[in-house]
Amino acid sequence: MNRIHAVILDWAGTTVDFGSFAPTQIFVEAFRQAFDVEITLAEARVPMGLGKWQHIEALGKLPAVDARWQAKFGRSMSAADIDAIYAAFMPLQIAKVIDFSSPIAGVIDTIAALRAEGIKIGSCSG
């Protein structure tokens, strides 16, 4: 008999932050704060799943973002620019986590039901 012994739950979009707005909103704010460059939530979602630095790099390579960047600075984004946006991103992420930390409907009851069955719960976050 196969028995489930543990369940590992992701955070953003699975247990908290329905719609996974925390990382996307923070990328938008980091671009604005570091360089006064606007990106959309839709653009911020495109490279989801990458590490934060790589995510910023990928955003800078999106044709629309690159066009706005070049219009403002006369060049494409550099590694130093990515570092500056990353430096803005990290404190924003810490400061804003509370804004996106409400449990998704049903999560608390689901975890309680799993625990009642003796199933261990773990979590992770990208």
Protein backbone atom coordinates (compact mmCIF):
# COMPACT_ATOMS: atom_id res chain seq x y z
CA MET A 1 0.00 0.00 0.00
CA ASN A 2 1.33 3.42 -0.96
CA ARG A 3 0.88 5.94 1.79
CA ILE A 4 1.58 9.65 1.60
CA HIS A 5 4.01 10.53 4.36
CA ALA A 6 4.59 14.21 3.63
CA VAL A 7 3.34 17.09 1.52
CA ILE A 8 5.61 19.97 0.52
CA LEU A 9 3.74 23.20 -0.20
CA ASP A 10 5.07 26.22 -2.06
CA TRP A 11 4.28 29.62 -0.60
CA ALA A 12 3.40 32.32 -3.16
CA GLY A 13 0.31 31.35 -5.10
CA THR A 14 -0.16 27.99 -3.36
CA THR A 15 -0.62 28.71 0.36
CA VAL A 16 -0.54 32.52 0.46
CA ASP A 17 -0.82 35.39 -2.03
CA PHE A 18 -3.56 34.10 -4.33
CA GLY A 19 -2.54 35.11 -7.84
CA SER A 20 1.11 35.39 -6.79
CA PHE A 21 1.17 39.19 -6.86
CA ALA A 22 3.98 39.70 -4.33
CA PRO A 23 6.95 38.98 -6.60
CA THR A 24 5.45 40.63 -9.68
CA GLN A 25 4.40 43.80 -7.86
CA ILE A 26 7.81 44.03 -6.21
CA PHE A 27 9.60 43.71 -9.58
CA VAL A 28 7.44 46.59 -10.88
CA GLU A 29 8.34 48.70 -7.85
CA ALA A 30 12.05 47.81 -7.99
CA PHE A 31 12.34 48.95 -11.62
CA ARG A 32 10.52 52.16 -10.73
CA GLN A 33 12.57 52.80 -7.58
CA ALA A 34 15.99 52.03 -9.06
CA PHE A 35 15.62 53.69 -12.48
CA ASP A 36 12.13 55.20 -12.82
CA VAL A 37 11.37 52.69 -15.57
CA GLU A 38 7.86 51.27 -15.79
CA ILE A 39 7.17 47.59 -16.39
CA THR A 40 3.73 45.99 -16.33
CA LEU A 41 2.54 43.19 -14.07
CA ALA A 42 2.15 41.05 -17.20
CA GLU A 43 5.77 41.70 -18.16
CA ALA A 44 6.92 41.00 -14.60
CA ARG A 45 5.24 37.56 -14.77
CA VAL A 46 6.94 36.40 -17.99
CA PRO A 47 10.19 35.04 -16.46
CA MET A 48 8.59 33.57 -13.29
CA GLY A 49 10.54 30.62 -11.96
CA LEU A 50 13.99 32.11 -12.45
CA GLY A 51 16.21 33.33 -9.65
CA LYS A 52 15.64 37.00 -8.86
CA TRP A 53 18.81 38.32 -10.60
CA GLN A 54 18.15 36.18 -13.67
CA HIS A 55 14.51 37.29 -13.60
CA ILE A 56 15.55 40.95 -13.75
CA GLU A 57 17.99 40.15 -16.55
CA ALA A 58 15.23 38.37 -18.52
CA LEU A 59 12.88 41.32 -17.99
CA GLY A 60 15.50 43.64 -19.44
CA LYS A 61 15.65 41.46 -22.56
CA LEU A 62 11.90 41.60 -23.20
CA PRO A 63 11.51 43.66 -26.39
CA ALA A 64 9.07 46.18 -24.89
CA VAL A 65 11.10 46.65 -21.70
CA ASP A 66 14.35 46.92 -23.67
CA ALA A 67 12.74 49.54 -25.95
CA ARG A 68 11.65 51.64 -22.94
CA TRP A 69 15.11 51.22 -21.37
CA GLN A 70 16.87 52.26 -24.57
CA ALA A 71 14.53 55.24 -25.01
CA LYS A 72 15.46 56.43 -21.52
CA PHE A 73 19.17 55.55 -21.37
CA GLY A 74 20.25 55.10 -24.99
CA ARG A 75 21.44 51.54 -24.37
CA SER A 76 20.25 48.14 -23.21
CA MET A 77 20.34 47.13 -19.56
CA SER A 78 23.79 46.23 -18.20
CA ALA A 79 24.86 43.85 -15.43
CA ALA A 80 25.41 46.89 -13.18
CA ASP A 81 21.82 47.98 -13.87
CA ILE A 82 20.58 44.50 -12.96
CA ASP A 83 22.62 44.67 -9.73
CA ALA A 84 20.99 48.02 -8.87
CA ILE A 85 17.47 46.72 -9.49
CA TYR A 86 18.26 43.56 -7.51
CA ALA A 87 19.54 45.74 -4.65
CA ALA A 88 16.22 47.63 -4.71
CA PHE A 89 14.22 44.39 -4.97
CA MET A 90 15.53 42.61 -1.88
CA PRO A 91 14.54 45.21 0.78
CA LEU A 92 11.20 45.76 -0.97
CA GLN A 93 10.55 42.02 -0.78
CA ILE A 94 11.20 42.02 2.96
CA ALA A 95 9.18 45.20 3.58
CA LYS A 96 6.16 44.10 1.56
CA VAL A 97 5.88 40.42 2.48
CA ILE A 98 3.20 41.25 5.04
CA ASP A 99 1.04 42.82 2.31
CA PHE A 100 0.79 39.48 0.51
CA SER A 101 0.86 36.96 3.36
CA SER A 102 -2.81 36.11 3.90
CA PRO A 103 -3.50 32.38 3.56
CA ILE A 104 -5.45 31.34 0.48
CA ALA A 105 -8.99 30.14 1.23
CA GLY A 106 -9.02 26.52 2.36
CA VAL A 107 -5.30 26.21 3.06
CA ILE A 108 -5.56 26.22 6.86
CA ASP A 109 -8.30 23.56 6.81
CA THR A 110 -6.41 21.46 4.26
CA ILE A 111 -3.23 21.50 6.36
CA ALA A 112 -5.24 20.58 9.46
CA ALA A 113 -6.86 17.66 7.59
CA LEU A 114 -3.48 16.42 6.35
CA ARG A 115 -2.01 16.63 9.85
CA ALA A 116 -5.04 14.77 11.24
CA GLU A 117 -4.12 11.92 8.86
CA GLY A 118 -0.56 11.93 10.23
CA ILE A 119 0.88 13.53 7.10
CA LYS A 120 3.89 15.77 7.68
CA ILE A 121 3.85 19.26 6.17
CA GLY A 122 6.82 21.06 4.67
CA SER A 123 7.11 24.26 2.73
CA CYS A 124 9.42 26.01 0.32
CA SER A 125 9.57 29.22 -1.63
CA GLY A 126 11.25 30.25 -4.86
